[in-house]
Full PDB file with SEQRES, HELIX, SHEET, SSBOND, CRYST1, ORIGX, SCALE, CONECT and MASTER records, all heavy atoms in Angstrom:
SEQRES   1 A   41  LEU GLY PRO VAL ARG ASN ALA THR GLN VAL GLU ILE SER          
SEQRES   2 A   41  LEU THR ASP ALA ARG SER ILE GLY VAL SER ALA PRO VAL          
SEQRES   3 A   41  ARG GLU SER GLY ASP ILE ALA GLY SER GLY SER CYS LYS          
SEQRES   4 A   41  LEU VAL                                                      
HELIX    1 AA1 LEU A   14  ILE A   20  1                                   7    
CRYST1    1.000    1.000    1.000  90.00  90.00  90.00 P 1           1          
ORIGX1      1.000000  0.000000  0.000000        0.00000                         
ORIGX2      0.000000  1.000000  0.000000        0.00000                         
ORIGX3      0.000000  0.000000  1.000000        0.00000                         
SCALE1      1.000000  0.000000  0.000000        0.00000                         
SCALE2      0.000000  1.000000  0.000000        0.00000                         
SCALE3      0.000000  0.000000  1.000000        0.00000                         
ATOM      1  N   LEU A   1     -20.289 -86.494 -16.296  1.00  0.00           N  
ATOM      2  CA  LEU A   1     -20.168 -85.923 -14.895  1.00  0.00           C  
ATOM      3  C   LEU A   1     -21.552 -85.571 -14.539  1.00  0.00           C  
ATOM      4  O   LEU A   1     -22.364 -84.957 -15.263  1.00  0.00           O  
ATOM      5  CB  LEU A   1     -19.217 -84.688 -14.887  1.00  0.00           C  
ATOM      6  CG  LEU A   1     -17.729 -85.025 -15.329  1.00  0.00           C  
ATOM      7  CD1 LEU A   1     -16.892 -83.840 -14.997  1.00  0.00           C  
ATOM      8  CD2 LEU A   1     -17.224 -86.264 -14.546  1.00  0.00           C  
ATOM      9  N   GLY A   2     -21.932 -85.772 -13.167  1.00  0.00           N  
ATOM     10  CA  GLY A   2     -23.190 -85.379 -12.714  1.00  0.00           C  
ATOM     11  C   GLY A   2     -23.002 -84.366 -11.667  1.00  0.00           C  
ATOM     12  O   GLY A   2     -21.910 -83.928 -11.259  1.00  0.00           O  
ATOM     13  N   PRO A   3     -24.139 -83.790 -11.177  1.00  0.00           N  
ATOM     14  CA  PRO A   3     -25.457 -84.087 -11.524  1.00  0.00           C  
ATOM     15  C   PRO A   3     -25.953 -83.564 -12.896  1.00  0.00           C  
ATOM     16  O   PRO A   3     -25.193 -82.845 -13.508  1.00  0.00           O  
ATOM     17  CB  PRO A   3     -26.292 -83.441 -10.347  1.00  0.00           C  
ATOM     18  CG  PRO A   3     -25.464 -82.241  -9.987  1.00  0.00           C  
ATOM     19  CD  PRO A   3     -24.042 -82.582 -10.210  1.00  0.00           C  
ATOM     20  N   VAL A   4     -27.088 -83.855 -13.303  1.00  0.00           N  
ATOM     21  CA  VAL A   4     -27.617 -83.324 -14.640  1.00  0.00           C  
ATOM     22  C   VAL A   4     -27.652 -81.839 -14.653  1.00  0.00           C  
ATOM     23  O   VAL A   4     -27.698 -81.154 -13.503  1.00  0.00           O  
ATOM     24  CB  VAL A   4     -29.013 -83.923 -14.945  1.00  0.00           C  
ATOM     25  CG1 VAL A   4     -28.976 -85.431 -15.120  1.00  0.00           C  
ATOM     26  CG2 VAL A   4     -30.035 -83.505 -13.932  1.00  0.00           C  
ATOM     27  N   ARG A   5     -27.558 -81.270 -15.723  1.00  0.00           N  
ATOM     28  CA  ARG A   5     -27.554 -79.822 -15.930  1.00  0.00           C  
ATOM     29  C   ARG A   5     -28.795 -79.335 -16.827  1.00  0.00           C  
ATOM     30  O   ARG A   5     -29.529 -80.099 -17.342  1.00  0.00           O  
ATOM     31  CB  ARG A   5     -26.310 -79.418 -16.600  1.00  0.00           C  
ATOM     32  CG  ARG A   5     -25.070 -79.595 -15.696  1.00  0.00           C  
ATOM     33  CD  ARG A   5     -23.923 -78.717 -16.328  1.00  0.00           C  
ATOM     34  NE  ARG A   5     -22.739 -78.824 -15.395  1.00  0.00           N  
ATOM     35  CZ  ARG A   5     -21.598 -78.320 -15.772  1.00  0.00           C  
ATOM     36  NH1 ARG A   5     -21.468 -77.605 -16.820  1.00  0.00           N  
ATOM     37  NH2 ARG A   5     -20.534 -78.370 -14.843  1.00  0.00           N  
ATOM     38  N   ASN A   6     -28.905 -78.082 -17.002  1.00  0.00           N  
ATOM     39  CA  ASN A   6     -29.976 -77.568 -17.797  1.00  0.00           C  
ATOM     40  C   ASN A   6     -29.706 -77.785 -19.227  1.00  0.00           C  
ATOM     41  O   ASN A   6     -30.673 -77.956 -20.035  1.00  0.00           O  
ATOM     42  CB  ASN A   6     -30.122 -75.994 -17.659  1.00  0.00           C  
ATOM     43  CG  ASN A   6     -30.626 -75.666 -16.224  1.00  0.00           C  
ATOM     44  OD1 ASN A   6     -31.359 -76.414 -15.609  1.00  0.00           O  
ATOM     45  ND2 ASN A   6     -30.225 -74.483 -15.720  1.00  0.00           N  
ATOM     46  N   ALA A   7     -28.421 -77.796 -19.677  1.00  0.00           N  
ATOM     47  CA  ALA A   7     -28.098 -78.086 -21.143  1.00  0.00           C  
ATOM     48  C   ALA A   7     -26.957 -79.167 -21.179  1.00  0.00           C  
ATOM     49  O   ALA A   7     -26.138 -79.146 -20.348  1.00  0.00           O  
ATOM     50  CB  ALA A   7     -27.720 -76.757 -21.739  1.00  0.00           C  
ATOM     51  N   THR A   8     -26.906 -79.910 -22.240  1.00  0.00           N  
ATOM     52  CA  THR A   8     -25.891 -80.879 -22.484  1.00  0.00           C  
ATOM     53  C   THR A   8     -24.737 -80.171 -23.043  1.00  0.00           C  
ATOM     54  O   THR A   8     -24.821 -79.266 -23.778  1.00  0.00           O  
ATOM     55  CB  THR A   8     -26.417 -82.010 -23.504  1.00  0.00           C  
ATOM     56  OG1 THR A   8     -27.500 -82.736 -22.800  1.00  0.00           O  
ATOM     57  CG2 THR A   8     -25.375 -82.962 -23.869  1.00  0.00           C  
ATOM     58  N   GLN A   9     -23.579 -80.591 -22.429  1.00  0.00           N  
ATOM     59  CA  GLN A   9     -22.226 -79.923 -22.905  1.00  0.00           C  
ATOM     60  C   GLN A   9     -21.182 -81.041 -22.965  1.00  0.00           C  
ATOM     61  O   GLN A   9     -21.012 -81.869 -22.004  1.00  0.00           O  
ATOM     62  CB  GLN A   9     -21.946 -78.868 -21.865  1.00  0.00           C  
ATOM     63  CG  GLN A   9     -20.508 -78.156 -22.105  1.00  0.00           C  
ATOM     64  CD  GLN A   9     -20.397 -77.052 -21.010  1.00  0.00           C  
ATOM     65  OE1 GLN A   9     -21.078 -76.037 -21.043  1.00  0.00           O  
ATOM     66  NE2 GLN A   9     -19.543 -77.221 -20.183  1.00  0.00           N  
ATOM     67  N   VAL A  10     -20.397 -81.076 -24.046  1.00  0.00           N  
ATOM     68  CA  VAL A  10     -19.253 -81.965 -24.197  1.00  0.00           C  
ATOM     69  C   VAL A  10     -18.033 -81.102 -24.102  1.00  0.00           C  
ATOM     70  O   VAL A  10     -17.883 -80.201 -24.866  1.00  0.00           O  
ATOM     71  CB  VAL A  10     -19.441 -82.707 -25.620  1.00  0.00           C  
ATOM     72  CG1 VAL A  10     -18.249 -83.633 -25.880  1.00  0.00           C  
ATOM     73  CG2 VAL A  10     -20.711 -83.434 -25.695  1.00  0.00           C  
ATOM     74  N   GLU A  11     -17.172 -81.604 -23.242  1.00  0.00           N  
ATOM     75  CA  GLU A  11     -15.851 -80.805 -23.025  1.00  0.00           C  
ATOM     76  C   GLU A  11     -14.755 -81.739 -23.483  1.00  0.00           C  
ATOM     77  O   GLU A  11     -14.447 -82.780 -22.956  1.00  0.00           O  
ATOM     78  CB  GLU A  11     -15.681 -80.419 -21.594  1.00  0.00           C  
ATOM     79  CG  GLU A  11     -16.755 -79.408 -21.168  1.00  0.00           C  
ATOM     80  CD  GLU A  11     -16.473 -78.926 -19.643  1.00  0.00           C  
ATOM     81  OE1 GLU A  11     -15.337 -78.736 -19.265  1.00  0.00           O  
ATOM     82  OE2 GLU A  11     -17.550 -78.762 -19.001  1.00  0.00           O  
ATOM     83  N   ILE A  12     -14.060 -81.289 -24.528  1.00  0.00           N  
ATOM     84  CA  ILE A  12     -12.937 -81.978 -25.049  1.00  0.00           C  
ATOM     85  C   ILE A  12     -11.757 -81.078 -25.323  1.00  0.00           C  
ATOM     86  O   ILE A  12     -11.839 -79.885 -25.327  1.00  0.00           O  
ATOM     87  CB  ILE A  12     -13.303 -82.805 -26.424  1.00  0.00           C  
ATOM     88  CG1 ILE A  12     -13.729 -81.739 -27.438  1.00  0.00           C  
ATOM     89  CG2 ILE A  12     -14.358 -83.871 -26.120  1.00  0.00           C  
ATOM     90  CD1 ILE A  12     -14.110 -82.472 -28.787  1.00  0.00           C  
ATOM     91  N   SER A  13     -10.572 -81.701 -25.563  1.00  0.00           N  
ATOM     92  CA  SER A  13      -9.431 -80.810 -25.874  1.00  0.00           C  
ATOM     93  C   SER A  13      -9.373 -80.512 -27.320  1.00  0.00           C  
ATOM     94  O   SER A  13     -10.158 -81.126 -28.138  1.00  0.00           O  
ATOM     95  CB  SER A  13      -8.057 -81.615 -25.512  1.00  0.00           C  
ATOM     96  OG  SER A  13      -7.900 -82.649 -26.446  1.00  0.00           O  
ATOM     97  N   LEU A  14      -8.547 -79.488 -27.748  1.00  0.00           N  
ATOM     98  CA  LEU A  14      -8.477 -79.242 -29.092  1.00  0.00           C  
ATOM     99  C   LEU A  14      -7.897 -80.358 -29.983  1.00  0.00           C  
ATOM    100  O   LEU A  14      -8.343 -80.564 -31.152  1.00  0.00           O  
ATOM    101  CB  LEU A  14      -7.682 -77.867 -29.406  1.00  0.00           C  
ATOM    102  CG  LEU A  14      -8.296 -76.607 -28.760  1.00  0.00           C  
ATOM    103  CD1 LEU A  14      -7.456 -75.524 -28.864  1.00  0.00           C  
ATOM    104  CD2 LEU A  14      -9.658 -76.400 -29.315  1.00  0.00           C  
ATOM    105  N   THR A  15      -7.016 -81.199 -29.382  1.00  0.00           N  
ATOM    106  CA  THR A  15      -6.549 -82.321 -30.129  1.00  0.00           C  
ATOM    107  C   THR A  15      -7.605 -83.316 -30.290  1.00  0.00           C  
ATOM    108  O   THR A  15      -7.807 -83.972 -31.412  1.00  0.00           O  
ATOM    109  CB  THR A  15      -5.401 -83.039 -29.236  1.00  0.00           C  
ATOM    110  OG1 THR A  15      -4.246 -82.061 -29.228  1.00  0.00           O  
ATOM    111  CG2 THR A  15      -4.896 -84.190 -29.966  1.00  0.00           C  
ATOM    112  N   ASP A  16      -8.474 -83.610 -29.238  1.00  0.00           N  
ATOM    113  CA  ASP A  16      -9.631 -84.419 -29.325  1.00  0.00           C  
ATOM    114  C   ASP A  16     -10.559 -84.016 -30.533  1.00  0.00           C  
ATOM    115  O   ASP A  16     -11.049 -84.797 -31.255  1.00  0.00           O  
ATOM    116  CB  ASP A  16     -10.447 -84.407 -28.095  1.00  0.00           C  
ATOM    117  CG  ASP A  16      -9.798 -85.248 -26.890  1.00  0.00           C  
ATOM    118  OD1 ASP A  16      -8.846 -85.972 -27.127  1.00  0.00           O  
ATOM    119  OD2 ASP A  16     -10.408 -85.004 -25.817  1.00  0.00           O  
ATOM    120  N   ALA A  17     -10.838 -82.680 -30.539  1.00  0.00           N  
ATOM    121  CA  ALA A  17     -11.741 -82.167 -31.572  1.00  0.00           C  
ATOM    122  C   ALA A  17     -11.249 -82.377 -33.023  1.00  0.00           C  
ATOM    123  O   ALA A  17     -12.033 -82.871 -33.785  1.00  0.00           O  
ATOM    124  CB  ALA A  17     -12.004 -80.694 -31.310  1.00  0.00           C  
ATOM    125  N   ARG A  18      -9.906 -82.144 -33.207  1.00  0.00           N  
ATOM    126  CA  ARG A  18      -9.432 -82.473 -34.502  1.00  0.00           C  
ATOM    127  C   ARG A  18      -9.367 -83.972 -34.843  1.00  0.00           C  
ATOM    128  O   ARG A  18      -9.653 -84.319 -35.928  1.00  0.00           O  
ATOM    129  CB  ARG A  18      -7.930 -81.949 -34.579  1.00  0.00           C  
ATOM    130  CG  ARG A  18      -7.759 -80.458 -34.854  1.00  0.00           C  
ATOM    131  CD  ARG A  18      -6.441 -79.984 -35.101  1.00  0.00           C  
ATOM    132  NE  ARG A  18      -5.468 -80.151 -34.002  1.00  0.00           N  
ATOM    133  CZ  ARG A  18      -5.501 -79.106 -33.057  1.00  0.00           C  
ATOM    134  NH1 ARG A  18      -6.174 -78.133 -33.071  1.00  0.00           N  
ATOM    135  NH2 ARG A  18      -4.565 -79.308 -32.033  1.00  0.00           N  
ATOM    136  N   SER A  19      -9.101 -84.767 -33.843  1.00  0.00           N  
ATOM    137  CA  SER A  19      -9.001 -86.182 -34.148  1.00  0.00           C  
ATOM    138  C   SER A  19     -10.399 -86.800 -34.546  1.00  0.00           C  
ATOM    139  O   SER A  19     -10.414 -87.768 -35.301  1.00  0.00           O  
ATOM    140  CB  SER A  19      -8.474 -86.994 -32.937  1.00  0.00           C  
ATOM    141  OG  SER A  19      -9.310 -87.005 -31.930  1.00  0.00           O  
ATOM    142  N   ILE A  20     -11.482 -86.261 -34.069  1.00  0.00           N  
ATOM    143  CA  ILE A  20     -12.746 -86.848 -34.442  1.00  0.00           C  
ATOM    144  C   ILE A  20     -13.622 -85.959 -35.432  1.00  0.00           C  
ATOM    145  O   ILE A  20     -14.686 -86.251 -35.896  1.00  0.00           O  
ATOM    146  CB  ILE A  20     -13.709 -87.249 -33.260  1.00  0.00           C  
ATOM    147  CG1 ILE A  20     -14.119 -85.986 -32.453  1.00  0.00           C  
ATOM    148  CG2 ILE A  20     -13.054 -88.283 -32.353  1.00  0.00           C  
ATOM    149  CD1 ILE A  20     -15.214 -86.297 -31.394  1.00  0.00           C  
ATOM    150  N   GLY A  21     -12.942 -84.755 -35.808  1.00  0.00           N  
ATOM    151  CA  GLY A  21     -13.567 -83.906 -36.764  1.00  0.00           C  
ATOM    152  C   GLY A  21     -14.797 -83.112 -36.334  1.00  0.00           C  
ATOM    153  O   GLY A  21     -15.831 -82.987 -37.017  1.00  0.00           O  
ATOM    154  N   VAL A  22     -14.640 -82.518 -35.133  1.00  0.00           N  
ATOM    155  CA  VAL A  22     -15.654 -81.594 -34.679  1.00  0.00           C  
ATOM    156  C   VAL A  22     -15.128 -80.246 -34.322  1.00  0.00           C  
ATOM    157  O   VAL A  22     -13.847 -80.105 -34.157  1.00  0.00           O  
ATOM    158  CB  VAL A  22     -16.330 -82.105 -33.333  1.00  0.00           C  
ATOM    159  CG1 VAL A  22     -17.087 -83.503 -33.682  1.00  0.00           C  
ATOM    160  CG2 VAL A  22     -15.460 -82.256 -32.184  1.00  0.00           C  
ATOM    161  N   SER A  23     -15.943 -79.164 -34.371  1.00  0.00           N  
ATOM    162  CA  SER A  23     -15.525 -77.899 -33.865  1.00  0.00           C  
ATOM    163  C   SER A  23     -15.591 -77.828 -32.305  1.00  0.00           C  
ATOM    164  O   SER A  23     -16.667 -78.276 -31.799  1.00  0.00           O  
ATOM    165  CB  SER A  23     -16.453 -76.837 -34.512  1.00  0.00           C  
ATOM    166  OG  SER A  23     -16.098 -75.591 -33.949  1.00  0.00           O  
ATOM    167  N   ALA A  24     -14.672 -77.212 -31.688  1.00  0.00           N  
ATOM    168  CA  ALA A  24     -14.748 -77.079 -30.276  1.00  0.00           C  
ATOM    169  C   ALA A  24     -14.165 -75.627 -29.835  1.00  0.00           C  
ATOM    170  O   ALA A  24     -13.013 -75.630 -29.515  1.00  0.00           O  
ATOM    171  CB  ALA A  24     -14.094 -78.189 -29.540  1.00  0.00           C  
ATOM    172  N   PRO A  25     -14.988 -74.724 -29.952  1.00  0.00           N  
ATOM    173  CA  PRO A  25     -14.386 -73.338 -29.616  1.00  0.00           C  
ATOM    174  C   PRO A  25     -14.045 -73.333 -28.133  1.00  0.00           C  
ATOM    175  O   PRO A  25     -14.695 -74.075 -27.289  1.00  0.00           O  
ATOM    176  CB  PRO A  25     -15.570 -72.356 -29.902  1.00  0.00           C  
ATOM    177  CG  PRO A  25     -16.809 -73.202 -29.930  1.00  0.00           C  
ATOM    178  CD  PRO A  25     -16.354 -74.546 -30.322  1.00  0.00           C  
ATOM    179  N   VAL A  26     -13.103 -72.550 -27.814  1.00  0.00           N  
ATOM    180  CA  VAL A  26     -12.611 -72.247 -26.444  1.00  0.00           C  
ATOM    181  C   VAL A  26     -13.629 -71.420 -25.702  1.00  0.00           C  
ATOM    182  O   VAL A  26     -13.814 -70.285 -26.084  1.00  0.00           O  
ATOM    183  CB  VAL A  26     -11.215 -71.734 -26.304  1.00  0.00           C  
ATOM    184  CG1 VAL A  26     -10.827 -71.570 -24.785  1.00  0.00           C  
ATOM    185  CG2 VAL A  26     -10.153 -72.533 -26.956  1.00  0.00           C  
ATOM    186  N   ARG A  27     -14.320 -71.916 -24.764  1.00  0.00           N  
ATOM    187  CA  ARG A  27     -15.404 -71.188 -23.985  1.00  0.00           C  
ATOM    188  C   ARG A  27     -15.372 -71.531 -22.580  1.00  0.00           C  
ATOM    189  O   ARG A  27     -14.935 -72.644 -22.125  1.00  0.00           O  
ATOM    190  CB  ARG A  27     -16.741 -71.688 -24.614  1.00  0.00           C  
ATOM    191  CG  ARG A  27     -16.966 -71.526 -26.038  1.00  0.00           C  
ATOM    192  CD  ARG A  27     -17.498 -70.140 -26.351  1.00  0.00           C  
ATOM    193  NE  ARG A  27     -17.834 -69.949 -27.735  1.00  0.00           N  
ATOM    194  CZ  ARG A  27     -19.047 -70.216 -28.290  1.00  0.00           C  
ATOM    195  NH1 ARG A  27     -20.034 -70.849 -27.617  1.00  0.00           N  
ATOM    196  NH2 ARG A  27     -19.251 -69.971 -29.577  1.00  0.00           N  
ATOM    197  N   GLU A  28     -16.079 -70.654 -21.734  1.00  0.00           N  
ATOM    198  CA  GLU A  28     -16.358 -70.932 -20.341  1.00  0.00           C  
ATOM    199  C   GLU A  28     -17.481 -71.963 -20.372  1.00  0.00           C  
ATOM    200  O   GLU A  28     -18.350 -71.962 -21.263  1.00  0.00           O  
ATOM    201  CB  GLU A  28     -16.739 -69.697 -19.537  1.00  0.00           C  
ATOM    202  CG  GLU A  28     -15.557 -68.808 -19.226  1.00  0.00           C  
ATOM    203  CD  GLU A  28     -15.936 -67.757 -18.333  1.00  0.00           C  
ATOM    204  OE1 GLU A  28     -16.434 -68.010 -17.233  1.00  0.00           O  
ATOM    205  OE2 GLU A  28     -15.703 -66.548 -18.649  1.00  0.00           O  
ATOM    206  N   SER A  29     -17.490 -72.792 -19.347  1.00  0.00           N  
ATOM    207  CA  SER A  29     -18.574 -73.749 -19.157  1.00  0.00           C  
ATOM    208  C   SER A  29     -19.909 -73.057 -19.204  1.00  0.00           C  
ATOM    209  O   SER A  29     -20.023 -72.074 -18.538  1.00  0.00           O  
ATOM    210  CB  SER A  29     -18.383 -74.531 -17.905  1.00  0.00           C  
ATOM    211  OG  SER A  29     -19.383 -75.529 -17.764  1.00  0.00           O  
ATOM    212  N   GLY A  30     -20.862 -73.670 -19.951  1.00  0.00           N  
ATOM    213  CA  GLY A  30     -22.203 -73.101 -19.975  1.00  0.00           C  
ATOM    214  C   GLY A  30     -22.324 -72.100 -21.105  1.00  0.00           C  
ATOM    215  O   GLY A  30     -23.506 -71.802 -21.506  1.00  0.00           O  
ATOM    216  N   ASP A  31     -21.360 -71.638 -21.805  1.00  0.00           N  
ATOM    217  CA  ASP A  31     -21.423 -70.762 -22.950  1.00  0.00           C  
ATOM    218  C   ASP A  31     -21.251 -71.625 -24.209  1.00  0.00           C  
ATOM    219  O   ASP A  31     -20.406 -71.787 -24.832  1.00  0.00           O  
ATOM    220  CB  ASP A  31     -20.217 -69.803 -22.874  1.00  0.00           C  
ATOM    221  CG  ASP A  31     -20.178 -68.851 -24.113  1.00  0.00           C  
ATOM    222  OD1 ASP A  31     -21.309 -68.764 -24.805  1.00  0.00           O  
ATOM    223  OD2 ASP A  31     -19.219 -68.085 -24.270  1.00  0.00           O  
ATOM    224  N   ILE A  32     -22.482 -72.124 -24.500  1.00  0.00           N  
ATOM    225  CA  ILE A  32     -22.544 -73.142 -25.563  1.00  0.00           C  
ATOM    226  C   ILE A  32     -23.221 -72.645 -26.913  1.00  0.00           C  
ATOM    227  O   ILE A  32     -23.204 -73.295 -27.921  1.00  0.00           O  
ATOM    228  CB  ILE A  32     -23.175 -74.495 -25.144  1.00  0.00           C  
ATOM    229  CG1 ILE A  32     -24.643 -74.167 -24.803  1.00  0.00           C  
ATOM    230  CG2 ILE A  32     -22.392 -75.177 -24.102  1.00  0.00           C  
ATOM    231  CD1 ILE A  32     -25.382 -75.530 -24.575  1.00  0.00           C  
ATOM    232  N   ALA A  33     -23.761 -71.403 -26.831  1.00  0.00           N  
ATOM    233  CA  ALA A  33     -24.459 -70.946 -28.074  1.00  0.00           C  
ATOM    234  C   ALA A  33     -23.499 -70.742 -29.243  1.00  0.00           C  
ATOM    235  O   ALA A  33     -22.497 -70.288 -29.174  1.00  0.00           O  
ATOM    236  CB  ALA A  33     -25.061 -69.494 -27.672  1.00  0.00           C  
ATOM    237  N   GLY A  34     -23.850 -71.543 -30.333  1.00  0.00           N  
ATOM    238  CA  GLY A  34     -23.109 -71.414 -31.542  1.00  0.00           C  
ATOM    239  C   GLY A  34     -21.850 -72.347 -31.481  1.00  0.00           C  
ATOM    240  O   GLY A  34     -20.912 -72.285 -32.305  1.00  0.00           O  
ATOM    241  N   SER A  35     -21.730 -73.145 -30.435  1.00  0.00           N  
ATOM    242  CA  SER A  35     -20.526 -73.996 -30.264  1.00  0.00           C  
ATOM    243  C   SER A  35     -20.638 -75.274 -31.168  1.00  0.00           C  
ATOM    244  O   SER A  35     -21.611 -75.438 -31.972  1.00  0.00           O  
ATOM    245  CB  SER A  35     -20.276 -74.396 -28.809  1.00  0.00           C  
ATOM    246  OG  SER A  35     -21.443 -75.158 -28.307  1.00  0.00           O  
ATOM    247  N   GLY A  36     -19.716 -76.244 -31.011  1.00  0.00           N  
ATOM    248  CA  GLY A  36     -19.645 -77.276 -31.984  1.00  0.00           C  
ATOM    249  C   GLY A  36     -20.815 -78.421 -31.785  1.00  0.00           C  
ATOM    250  O   GLY A  36     -21.567 -78.349 -30.875  1.00  0.00           O  
ATOM    251  N   SER A  37     -20.872 -79.287 -32.764  1.00  0.00           N  
ATOM    252  CA  SER A  37     -21.944 -80.319 -32.781  1.00  0.00           C  
ATOM    253  C   SER A  37     -21.232 -81.682 -32.820  1.00  0.00           C  
ATOM    254  O   SER A  37     -20.119 -81.790 -33.353  1.00  0.00           O  
ATOM    255  CB  SER A  37     -22.902 -79.991 -33.979  1.00  0.00           C  
ATOM    256  OG  SER A  37     -22.151 -80.085 -35.184  1.00  0.00           O  
ATOM    257  N   CYS A  38     -22.039 -82.680 -32.526  1.00  0.00           N  
ATOM    258  CA  CYS A  38     -21.606 -83.975 -32.580  1.00  0.00           C  
ATOM    259  C   CYS A  38     -22.744 -85.013 -32.383  1.00  0.00           C  
ATOM    260  O   CYS A  38     -23.993 -84.450 -32.103  1.00  0.00           O  
ATOM    261  CB  CYS A  38     -20.501 -84.334 -31.468  1.00  0.00           C  
ATOM    262  SG  CYS A  38     -21.216 -84.362 -29.821  1.00  0.00           S  
ATOM    263  N   LYS A  39     -22.566 -86.237 -32.505  1.00  0.00           N  
ATOM    264  CA  LYS A  39     -23.653 -87.138 -32.093  1.00  0.00           C  
ATOM    265  C   LYS A  39     -23.285 -87.874 -30.795  1.00  0.00           C  
ATOM    266  O   LYS A  39     -22.176 -88.234 -30.623  1.00  0.00           O  
ATOM    267  CB  LYS A  39     -23.866 -88.236 -33.192  1.00  0.00           C  
ATOM    268  CG  LYS A  39     -24.957 -89.249 -32.847  1.00  0.00           C  
ATOM    269  CD  LYS A  39     -25.383 -90.169 -33.922  1.00  0.00           C  
ATOM    270  CE  LYS A  39     -24.458 -90.586 -35.088  1.00  0.00           C  
ATOM    271  NZ  LYS A  39     -25.110 -91.633 -35.959  1.00  0.00           N  
ATOM    272  N   LEU A  40     -24.259 -88.068 -29.958  1.00  0.00           N  
ATOM    273  CA  LEU A  40     -24.027 -88.856 -28.764  1.00  0.00           C  
ATOM    274  C   LEU A  40     -24.877 -90.122 -28.839  1.00  0.00           C  
ATOM    275  O   LEU A  40     -25.996 -90.155 -29.231  1.00  0.00           O  
ATOM    276  CB  LEU A  40     -24.513 -88.019 -27.491  1.00  0.00           C  
ATOM    277  CG  LEU A  40     -23.931 -86.735 -27.283  1.00  0.00           C  
ATOM    278  CD1 LEU A  40     -24.561 -86.095 -26.014  1.00  0.00           C  
ATOM    279  CD2 LEU A  40     -22.409 -86.846 -27.050  1.00  0.00           C  
ATOM    280  N   VAL A  41     -24.277 -91.302 -28.526  1.00  0.00           N  
ATOM    281  CA  VAL A  41     -24.955 -92.528 -28.634  1.00  0.00           C  
ATOM    282  C   VAL A  41     -24.866 -93.263 -27.226  1.00  0.00           C  
ATOM    283  O   VAL A  41     -23.739 -93.474 -26.683  1.00  0.00           O  
ATOM    284  CB  VAL A  41     -24.254 -93.522 -29.698  1.00  0.00           C  
ATOM    285  CG1 VAL A  41     -25.015 -94.822 -29.830  1.00  0.00           C  
ATOM    286  CG2 VAL A  41     -24.207 -92.739 -31.066  1.00  0.00           C  
TER     287      VAL A  41                                                      
MASTER        0    0    0    1    0    0    0    6  286    1    0    4          
END                                                                             
């Protein structure tokens, strides 16, 4: 989704997070400190 932002953010459901093995804490958009990690290709 555009336009570009100050920081990269991936928004997925909790089911999505479990299915690919990542952590996705429930947060407001932009509150990413200490949130989950992944690889983007």
